[in-house]
Amino acid sequence: MALVVMGALLIIVGIVMAAVRTAGRGRLSQPKTQATGQATGQPTTLEPTGEGRRLSLKADLLGLGIAALGAVLIFAGALMNGATAG
């Protein structure tokens, strides 16, 4: 049972870690073009121009790895509980 609980916690931590890192990289909408003001021609937002690393699998690999480790622990815990119950 302890493996299942630890696995569930690792999955939650991994997903939250990946989400926080993605949110910290900036706004996800309008990644290639910026809205410009009609009169001045300057951007109407404070976003940096250009395309960044907003949705990058490489940048979120640590969080996804922690979530995968949690899934393995849940599976191992389920196998151990099933073997002792039968």
PDB file of N, CA and C in Angstrom:
ATOM      1  N   MET A   1       0.814  -1.191   0.000  1.00  0.00           N
ATOM      2  CA  MET A   1       0.000   0.000   0.000  1.00  0.00           C
ATOM      3  C   MET A   1       0.865   1.265   0.000  1.00  0.00           C
ATOM      4  N   ALA A   2       2.004   1.186   0.660  1.00  0.00           N
ATOM      5  CA  ALA A   2       2.882   2.347   0.727  1.00  0.00           C
ATOM      6  C   ALA A   2       3.425   2.705  -0.657  1.00  0.00           C
ATOM      7  N   LEU A   3       3.693   1.694  -1.486  1.00  0.00           N
ATOM      8  CA  LEU A   3       4.181   1.975  -2.843  1.00  0.00           C
ATOM      9  C   LEU A   3       3.128   2.700  -3.673  1.00  0.00           C
ATOM     10  N   VAL A   4       1.877   2.319  -3.492  1.00  0.00           N
ATOM     11  CA  VAL A   4       0.801   2.962  -4.243  1.00  0.00           C
ATOM     12  C   VAL A   4       0.665   4.423  -3.830  1.00  0.00           C
ATOM     13  N   VAL A   5       0.734   4.697  -2.536  1.00  0.00           N
ATOM     14  CA  VAL A   5       0.617   6.074  -2.053  1.00  0.00           C
ATOM     15  C   VAL A   5       1.808   6.915  -2.521  1.00  0.00           C
ATOM     16  N   MET A   6       3.017   6.348  -2.411  1.00  0.00           N
ATOM     17  CA  MET A   6       4.196   7.085  -2.877  1.00  0.00           C
ATOM     18  C   MET A   6       4.129   7.315  -4.390  1.00  0.00           C
ATOM     19  N   GLY A   7       3.654   6.335  -5.135  1.00  0.00           N
ATOM     20  CA  GLY A   7       3.511   6.494  -6.577  1.00  0.00           C
ATOM     21  C   GLY A   7       2.514   7.576  -6.939  1.00  0.00           C
ATOM     22  N   ALA A   8       1.391   7.609  -6.228  1.00  0.00           N
ATOM     23  CA  ALA A   8       0.383   8.645  -6.493  1.00  0.00           C
ATOM     24  C   ALA A   8       0.943  10.034  -6.199  1.00  0.00           C
ATOM     25  N   LEU A   9       1.688  10.153  -5.102  1.00  0.00           N
ATOM     26  CA  LEU A   9       2.290  11.444  -4.779  1.00  0.00           C
ATOM     27  C   LEU A   9       3.319  11.857  -5.824  1.00  0.00           C
ATOM     28  N   LEU A  10       4.108  10.900  -6.307  1.00  0.00           N
ATOM     29  CA  LEU A  10       5.093  11.228  -7.338  1.00  0.00           C
ATOM     30  C   LEU A  10       4.422  11.661  -8.639  1.00  0.00           C
ATOM     31  N   ILE A  11       3.321  11.035  -8.984  1.00  0.00           N
ATOM     32  CA  ILE A  11       2.597  11.436 -10.196  1.00  0.00           C
ATOM     33  C   ILE A  11       2.089  12.864 -10.048  1.00  0.00           C
ATOM     34  N   ILE A  12       1.509  13.179  -8.907  1.00  0.00           N
ATOM     35  CA  ILE A  12       0.992  14.538  -8.680  1.00  0.00           C
ATOM     36  C   ILE A  12       2.128  15.554  -8.714  1.00  0.00           C
ATOM     37  N   VAL A  13       3.237  15.251  -8.046  1.00  0.00           N
ATOM     38  CA  VAL A  13       4.381  16.169  -8.020  1.00  0.00           C
ATOM     39  C   VAL A  13       4.947  16.358  -9.426  1.00  0.00           C
ATOM     40  N   GLY A  14       5.054  15.280 -10.190  1.00  0.00           N
ATOM     41  CA  GLY A  14       5.590  15.375 -11.548  1.00  0.00           C
ATOM     42  C   GLY A  14       4.730  16.227 -12.462  1.00  0.00           C
ATOM     43  N   ILE A  15       3.422  16.041 -12.384  1.00  0.00           N
ATOM     44  CA  ILE A  15       2.518  16.817 -13.234  1.00  0.00           C
ATOM     45  C   ILE A  15       2.532  18.292 -12.831  1.00  0.00           C
ATOM     46  N   VAL A  16       2.517  18.549 -11.536  1.00  0.00           N
ATOM     47  CA  VAL A  16       2.552  19.945 -11.072  1.00  0.00           C
ATOM     48  C   VAL A  16       3.874  20.599 -11.471  1.00  0.00           C
ATOM     49  N   MET A  17       4.974  19.860 -11.344  1.00  0.00           N
ATOM     50  CA  MET A  17       6.282  20.407 -11.714  1.00  0.00           C
ATOM     51  C   MET A  17       6.327  20.764 -13.206  1.00  0.00           C
ATOM     52  N   ALA A  18       5.815  19.885 -14.048  1.00  0.00           N
ATOM     53  CA  ALA A  18       5.800  20.164 -15.481  1.00  0.00           C
ATOM     54  C   ALA A  18       4.889  21.351 -15.804  1.00  0.00           C
ATOM     55  N   ALA A  19       3.748  21.433 -15.124  1.00  0.00           N
ATOM     56  CA  ALA A  19       2.817  22.533 -15.383  1.00  0.00           C
ATOM     57  C   ALA A  19       3.397  23.873 -14.940  1.00  0.00           C
ATOM     58  N   VAL A  20       4.054  23.891 -13.790  1.00  0.00           N
ATOM     59  CA  VAL A  20       4.638  25.134 -13.294  1.00  0.00           C
ATOM     60  C   VAL A  20       5.768  25.597 -14.199  1.00  0.00           C
ATOM     61  N   ARG A  21       6.579  24.653 -14.659  1.00  0.00           N
ATOM     62  CA  ARG A  21       7.677  25.035 -15.558  1.00  0.00           C
ATOM     63  C   ARG A  21       7.129  25.573 -16.880  1.00  0.00           C
ATOM     64  N   THR A  22       6.057  24.960 -17.393  1.00  0.00           N
ATOM     65  CA  THR A  22       5.457  25.432 -18.636  1.00  0.00           C
ATOM     66  C   THR A  22       4.835  26.813 -18.442  1.00  0.00           C
ATOM     67  N   ALA A  23       4.140  27.008 -17.344  1.00  0.00           N
ATOM     68  CA  ALA A  23       3.517  28.305 -17.085  1.00  0.00           C
ATOM     69  C   ALA A  23       4.569  29.387 -16.866  1.00  0.00           C
ATOM     70  N   GLY A  24       5.703  29.023 -16.313  1.00  0.00           N
ATOM     71  CA  GLY A  24       6.756  29.993 -16.061  1.00  0.00           C
ATOM     72  C   GLY A  24       7.473  30.452 -17.320  1.00  0.00           C
ATOM     73  N   ARG A  25       7.303  29.705 -18.406  1.00  0.00           N
ATOM     74  CA  ARG A  25       7.983  30.080 -19.655  1.00  0.00           C
ATOM     75  C   ARG A  25       7.235  31.141 -20.436  1.00  0.00           C
ATOM     76  N   GLY A  26       6.063  31.506 -19.998  1.00  0.00           N
ATOM     77  CA  GLY A  26       5.364  32.598 -20.668  1.00  0.00           C
ATOM     78  C   GLY A  26       4.008  32.189 -21.175  1.00  0.00           C
ATOM     79  N   ARG A  27       3.375  33.123 -21.787  1.00  0.00           N
ATOM     80  CA  ARG A  27       2.021  32.940 -22.286  1.00  0.00           C
ATOM     81  C   ARG A  27       2.016  31.980 -23.463  1.00  0.00           C
ATOM     82  N   LEU A  28       1.019  31.096 -23.503  1.00  0.00           N
ATOM     83  CA  LEU A  28       0.950  30.088 -24.553  1.00  0.00           C
ATOM     84  C   LEU A  28       0.226  30.580 -25.806  1.00  0.00           C
ATOM     85  N   SER A  29      -0.621  31.592 -25.674  1.00  0.00           N
ATOM     86  CA  SER A  29      -1.367  32.072 -26.831  1.00  0.00           C
ATOM     87  C   SER A  29      -0.502  32.988 -27.681  1.00  0.00           C
ATOM     88  N   GLN A  30      -0.784  33.064 -28.922  1.00  0.00           N
ATOM     89  CA  GLN A  30      -0.088  33.899 -29.892  1.00  0.00           C
ATOM     90  C   GLN A  30       1.431  33.728 -29.837  1.00  0.00           C
ATOM     91  N   PRO A  31       1.935  32.501 -30.047  1.00  0.00           N
ATOM     92  CA  PRO A  31       3.378  32.307 -29.903  1.00  0.00           C
ATOM     93  C   PRO A  31       4.220  32.910 -31.020  1.00  0.00           C
ATOM     94  N   LYS A  32       3.669  33.046 -32.228  1.00  0.00           N
ATOM     95  CA  LYS A  32       4.495  33.498 -33.355  1.00  0.00           C
ATOM     96  C   LYS A  32       4.314  34.968 -33.681  1.00  0.00           C
ATOM     97  N   THR A  33       3.123  35.499 -33.513  1.00  0.00           N
ATOM     98  CA  THR A  33       2.874  36.899 -33.854  1.00  0.00           C
ATOM     99  C   THR A  33       2.372  37.639 -32.628  1.00  0.00           C
ATOM    100  N   GLN A  34       2.653  38.872 -32.576  1.00  0.00           N
ATOM    101  CA  GLN A  34       2.212  39.718 -31.478  1.00  0.00           C
ATOM    102  C   GLN A  34       1.172  40.702 -32.005  1.00  0.00           C
ATOM    103  N   ALA A  35       0.180  40.989 -31.175  1.00  0.00           N
ATOM    104  CA  ALA A  35      -0.790  42.014 -31.532  1.00  0.00           C
ATOM    105  C   ALA A  35      -0.109  43.373 -31.401  1.00  0.00           C
ATOM    106  N   THR A  36      -0.313  44.214 -32.354  1.00  0.00           N
ATOM    107  CA  THR A  36       0.325  45.538 -32.306  1.00  0.00           C
ATOM    108  C   THR A  36      -0.741  46.607 -32.180  1.00  0.00           C
ATOM    109  N   GLY A  37      -0.360  47.678 -31.543  1.00  0.00           N
ATOM    110  CA  GLY A  37      -1.257  48.827 -31.431  1.00  0.00           C
ATOM    111  C   GLY A  37      -1.444  49.463 -32.798  1.00  0.00           C
ATOM    112  N   GLN A  38      -2.625  49.947 -33.079  1.00  0.00           N
ATOM    113  CA  GLN A  38      -2.904  50.484 -34.406  1.00  0.00           C
ATOM    114  C   GLN A  38      -2.171  51.798 -34.650  1.00  0.00           C
ATOM    115  N   ALA A  39      -2.127  52.650 -33.680  1.00  0.00           N
ATOM    116  CA  ALA A  39      -1.545  53.974 -33.911  1.00  0.00           C
ATOM    117  C   ALA A  39      -0.020  53.954 -33.798  1.00  0.00           C
ATOM    118  N   THR A  40       0.518  53.261 -32.803  1.00  0.00           N
ATOM    119  CA  THR A  40       1.953  53.342 -32.557  1.00  0.00           C
ATOM    120  C   THR A  40       2.754  52.224 -33.205  1.00  0.00           C
ATOM    121  N   GLY A  41       2.124  51.103 -33.508  1.00  0.00           N
ATOM    122  CA  GLY A  41       2.847  49.980 -34.083  1.00  0.00           C
ATOM    123  C   GLY A  41       3.625  49.194 -33.039  1.00  0.00           C
ATOM    124  N   GLN A  42       3.481  49.540 -31.769  1.00  0.00           N
ATOM    125  CA  GLN A  42       4.168  48.818 -30.707  1.00  0.00           C
ATOM    126  C   GLN A  42       3.262  47.704 -30.186  1.00  0.00           C
ATOM    127  N   PRO A  43       3.860  46.672 -29.637  1.00  0.00           N
ATOM    128  CA  PRO A  43       3.042  45.585 -29.082  1.00  0.00           C
ATOM    129  C   PRO A  43       2.139  46.083 -27.961  1.00  0.00           C
ATOM    130  N   THR A  44       0.941  45.518 -27.890  1.00  0.00           N
ATOM    131  CA  THR A  44      -0.004  45.912 -26.847  1.00  0.00           C
ATOM    132  C   THR A  44       0.149  45.046 -25.603  1.00  0.00           C
ATOM    133  N   THR A  45       1.077  44.104 -25.620  1.00  0.00           N
ATOM    134  CA  THR A  45       1.314  43.258 -24.454  1.00  0.00           C
ATOM    135  C   THR A  45       2.762  43.398 -24.019  1.00  0.00           C
ATOM    136  N   LEU A  46       3.066  42.860 -22.873  1.00  0.00           N
ATOM    137  CA  LEU A  46       4.430  42.898 -22.356  1.00  0.00           C
ATOM    138  C   LEU A  46       5.214  41.638 -22.723  1.00  0.00           C
ATOM    139  N   GLU A  47       4.624  40.784 -23.553  1.00  0.00           N
ATOM    140  CA  GLU A  47       5.302  39.547 -23.949  1.00  0.00           C
ATOM    141  C   GLU A  47       6.518  39.860 -24.815  1.00  0.00           C
ATOM    142  N   PRO A  48       7.569  39.056 -24.684  1.00  0.00           N
ATOM    143  CA  PRO A  48       8.707  39.240 -25.587  1.00  0.00           C
ATOM    144  C   PRO A  48       8.335  38.801 -27.004  1.00  0.00           C
ATOM    145  N   THR A  49       8.955  39.418 -27.981  1.00  0.00           N
ATOM    146  CA  THR A  49       8.675  39.051 -29.359  1.00  0.00           C
ATOM    147  C   THR A  49       9.419  37.772 -29.709  1.00  0.00           C
ATOM    148  N   GLY A  50       8.931  37.078 -30.703  1.00  0.00           N
ATOM    149  CA  GLY A  50       9.580  35.849 -31.148  1.00  0.00           C
ATOM    150  C   GLY A  50       8.997  34.626 -30.475  1.00  0.00           C
ATOM    151  N   GLU A  51       9.441  33.486 -30.955  1.00  0.00           N
ATOM    152  CA  GLU A  51       8.941  32.213 -30.456  1.00  0.00           C
ATOM    153  C   GLU A  51       9.901  31.670 -29.402  1.00  0.00           C
ATOM    154  N   GLY A  52       9.365  31.263 -28.291  1.00  0.00           N
ATOM    155  CA  GLY A  52      10.195  30.752 -27.208  1.00  0.00           C
ATOM    156  C   GLY A  52       9.993  29.265 -26.992  1.00  0.00           C
ATOM    157  N   ARG A  53      10.439  28.790 -25.829  1.00  0.00           N
ATOM    158  CA  ARG A  53      10.310  27.388 -25.475  1.00  0.00           C
ATOM    159  C   ARG A  53       9.054  27.198 -24.624  1.00  0.00           C
ATOM    160  N   ARG A  54       7.917  27.512 -25.151  1.00  0.00           N
ATOM    161  CA  ARG A  54       6.702  27.452 -24.351  1.00  0.00           C
ATOM    162  C   ARG A  54       6.260  26.022 -24.093  1.00  0.00           C
ATOM    163  N   LEU A  55       6.158  25.224 -25.104  1.00  0.00           N
ATOM    164  CA  LEU A  55       5.769  23.826 -24.956  1.00  0.00           C
ATOM    165  C   LEU A  55       6.918  22.966 -25.445  1.00  0.00           C
ATOM    166  N   SER A  56       7.800  22.627 -24.563  1.00  0.00           N
ATOM    167  CA  SER A  56       8.977  21.863 -24.925  1.00  0.00           C
ATOM    168  C   SER A  56       9.010  20.578 -24.104  1.00  0.00           C
ATOM    169  N   LEU A  57       9.035  19.438 -24.783  1.00  0.00           N
ATOM    170  CA  LEU A  57       9.112  18.166 -24.092  1.00  0.00           C
ATOM    171  C   LEU A  57      10.436  18.034 -23.349  1.00  0.00           C
ATOM    172  N   LYS A  58      11.486  18.554 -23.932  1.00  0.00           N
ATOM    173  CA  LYS A  58      12.806  18.472 -23.310  1.00  0.00           C
ATOM    174  C   LYS A  58      12.844  19.238 -21.988  1.00  0.00           C
ATOM    175  N   ALA A  59      12.207  20.383 -21.934  1.00  0.00           N
ATOM    176  CA  ALA A  59      12.207  21.186 -20.719  1.00  0.00           C
ATOM    177  C   ALA A  59      11.350  20.555 -19.622  1.00  0.00           C
ATOM    178  N   ASP A  60      10.339  19.782 -19.993  1.00  0.00           N
ATOM    179  CA  ASP A  60       9.444  19.162 -19.022  1.00  0.00           C
ATOM    180  C   ASP A  60       9.808  17.714 -18.735  1.00  0.00           C
ATOM    181  N   LEU A  61      10.957  17.274 -19.193  1.00  0.00           N
ATOM    182  CA  LEU A  61      11.335  15.872 -19.065  1.00  0.00           C
ATOM    183  C   LEU A  61      11.474  15.438 -17.607  1.00  0.00           C
ATOM    184  N   LEU A  62      11.976  16.279 -16.749  1.00  0.00           N
ATOM    185  CA  LEU A  62      12.139  15.924 -15.342  1.00  0.00           C
ATOM    186  C   LEU A  62      10.785  15.649 -14.689  1.00  0.00           C
ATOM    187  N   GLY A  63       9.827  16.523 -14.884  1.00  0.00           N
ATOM    188  CA  GLY A  63       8.496  16.327 -14.312  1.00  0.00           C
ATOM    189  C   GLY A  63       7.809  15.089 -14.873  1.00  0.00           C
ATOM    190  N   LEU A  64       7.953  14.871 -16.180  1.00  0.00           N
ATOM    191  CA  LEU A  64       7.348  13.685 -16.782  1.00  0.00           C
ATOM    192  C   LEU A  64       8.033  12.407 -16.310  1.00  0.00           C
ATOM    193  N   GLY A  65       9.332  12.474 -16.075  1.00  0.00           N
ATOM    194  CA  GLY A  65      10.059  11.317 -15.557  1.00  0.00           C
ATOM    195  C   GLY A  65       9.621  10.967 -14.143  1.00  0.00           C
ATOM    196  N   ILE A  66       9.399  11.983 -13.319  1.00  0.00           N
ATOM    197  CA  ILE A  66       8.924  11.745 -11.955  1.00  0.00           C
ATOM    198  C   ILE A  66       7.526  11.132 -11.980  1.00  0.00           C
ATOM    199  N   ALA A  67       6.668  11.607 -12.871  1.00  0.00           N
ATOM    200  CA  ALA A  67       5.329  11.035 -13.004  1.00  0.00           C
ATOM    201  C   ALA A  67       5.407   9.589 -13.493  1.00  0.00           C
ATOM    202  N   ALA A  68       6.308   9.293 -14.413  1.00  0.00           N
ATOM    203  CA  ALA A  68       6.466   7.917 -14.904  1.00  0.00           C
ATOM    204  C   ALA A  68       6.978   7.007 -13.788  1.00  0.00           C
ATOM    205  N   LEU A  69       7.893   7.497 -12.971  1.00  0.00           N
ATOM    206  CA  LEU A  69       8.381   6.722 -11.831  1.00  0.00           C
ATOM    207  C   LEU A  69       7.241   6.432 -10.861  1.00  0.00           C
ATOM    208  N   GLY A  70       6.374   7.398 -10.657  1.00  0.00           N
ATOM    209  CA  GLY A  70       5.198   7.184  -9.813  1.00  0.00           C
ATOM    210  C   GLY A  70       4.281   6.121 -10.381  1.00  0.00           C
ATOM    211  N   ALA A  71       4.112   6.097 -11.706  1.00  0.00           N
ATOM    212  CA  ALA A  71       3.281   5.072 -12.336  1.00  0.00           C
ATOM    213  C   ALA A  71       3.889   3.680 -12.151  1.00  0.00           C
ATOM    214  N   VAL A  72       5.204   3.594 -12.247  1.00  0.00           N
ATOM    215  CA  VAL A  72       5.882   2.311 -12.036  1.00  0.00           C
ATOM    216  C   VAL A  72       5.689   1.851 -10.590  1.00  0.00           C
ATOM    217  N   LEU A  73       5.790   2.771  -9.634  1.00  0.00           N
ATOM    218  CA  LEU A  73       5.587   2.400  -8.235  1.00  0.00           C
ATOM    219  C   LEU A  73       4.158   1.939  -7.970  1.00  0.00           C
ATOM    220  N   ILE A  74       3.189   2.583  -8.576  1.00  0.00           N
ATOM    221  CA  ILE A  74       1.798   2.147  -8.419  1.00  0.00           C
ATOM    222  C   ILE A  74       1.617   0.749  -8.998  1.00  0.00           C
ATOM    223  N   PHE A  75       2.184   0.501 -10.150  1.00  0.00           N
ATOM    224  CA  PHE A  75       2.079  -0.820 -10.778  1.00  0.00           C
ATOM    225  C   PHE A  75       2.754  -1.877  -9.912  1.00  0.00           C
ATOM    226  N   ALA A  76       3.940  -1.565  -9.381  1.00  0.00           N
ATOM    227  CA  ALA A  76       4.646  -2.522  -8.522  1.00  0.00           C
ATOM    228  C   ALA A  76       3.857  -2.780  -7.237  1.00  0.00           C
ATOM    229  N   GLY A  77       3.286  -1.739  -6.677  1.00  0.00           N
ATOM    230  CA  GLY A  77       2.475  -1.907  -5.480  1.00  0.00           C
ATOM    231  C   GLY A  77       1.242  -2.747  -5.732  1.00  0.00           C
ATOM    232  N   ALA A  78       0.625  -2.570  -6.888  1.00  0.00           N
ATOM    233  CA  ALA A  78      -0.547  -3.370  -7.229  1.00  0.00           C
ATOM    234  C   ALA A  78      -0.165  -4.836  -7.426  1.00  0.00           C
ATOM    235  N   LEU A  79       0.976  -5.083  -8.031  1.00  0.00           N
ATOM    236  CA  LEU A  79       1.421  -6.473  -8.210  1.00  0.00           C
ATOM    237  C   LEU A  79       1.741  -7.130  -6.874  1.00  0.00           C
ATOM    238  N   MET A  80       2.372  -6.394  -5.977  1.00  0.00           N
ATOM    239  CA  MET A  80       2.718  -6.955  -4.667  1.00  0.00           C
ATOM    240  C   MET A  80       1.463  -7.228  -3.835  1.00  0.00           C
ATOM    241  N   ASN A  81       0.494  -6.342  -3.887  1.00  0.00           N
ATOM    242  CA  ASN A  81      -0.759  -6.563  -3.145  1.00  0.00           C
ATOM    243  C   ASN A  81      -1.547  -7.715  -3.745  1.00  0.00           C
ATOM    244  N   GLY A  82      -1.494  -7.871  -5.053  1.00  0.00           N
ATOM    245  CA  GLY A  82      -2.204  -8.972  -5.697  1.00  0.00           C
ATOM    246  C   GLY A  82      -1.555 -10.310  -5.399  1.00  0.00           C
ATOM    247  N   ALA A  83      -0.235 -10.337  -5.261  1.00  0.00           N
ATOM    248  CA  ALA A  83       0.471 -11.582  -4.987  1.00  0.00           C
ATOM    249  C   ALA A  83       0.247 -12.043  -3.547  1.00  0.00           C
ATOM    250  N   THR A  84       0.134 -11.103  -2.619  1.00  0.00           N
ATOM    251  CA  THR A  84      -0.062 -11.490  -1.235  1.00  0.00           C
ATOM    252  C   THR A  84      -1.517 -11.794  -0.925  1.00  0.00           C
ATOM    253  N   ALA A  85      -2.453 -11.285  -1.719  1.00  0.00           N
ATOM    254  CA  ALA A  85      -3.879 -11.521  -1.457  1.00  0.00           C
ATOM    255  C   ALA A  85      -4.310 -12.899  -1.940  1.00  0.00           C
ATOM    256  N   GLY A  86      -3.618 -13.459  -2.928  1.00  0.00           N
ATOM    257  CA  GLY A  86      -4.050 -14.726  -3.538  1.00  0.00           C
ATOM    258  C   GLY A  86      -3.421 -15.865  -2.896  1.00  0.00           C
TER     259      GLY A  86
END
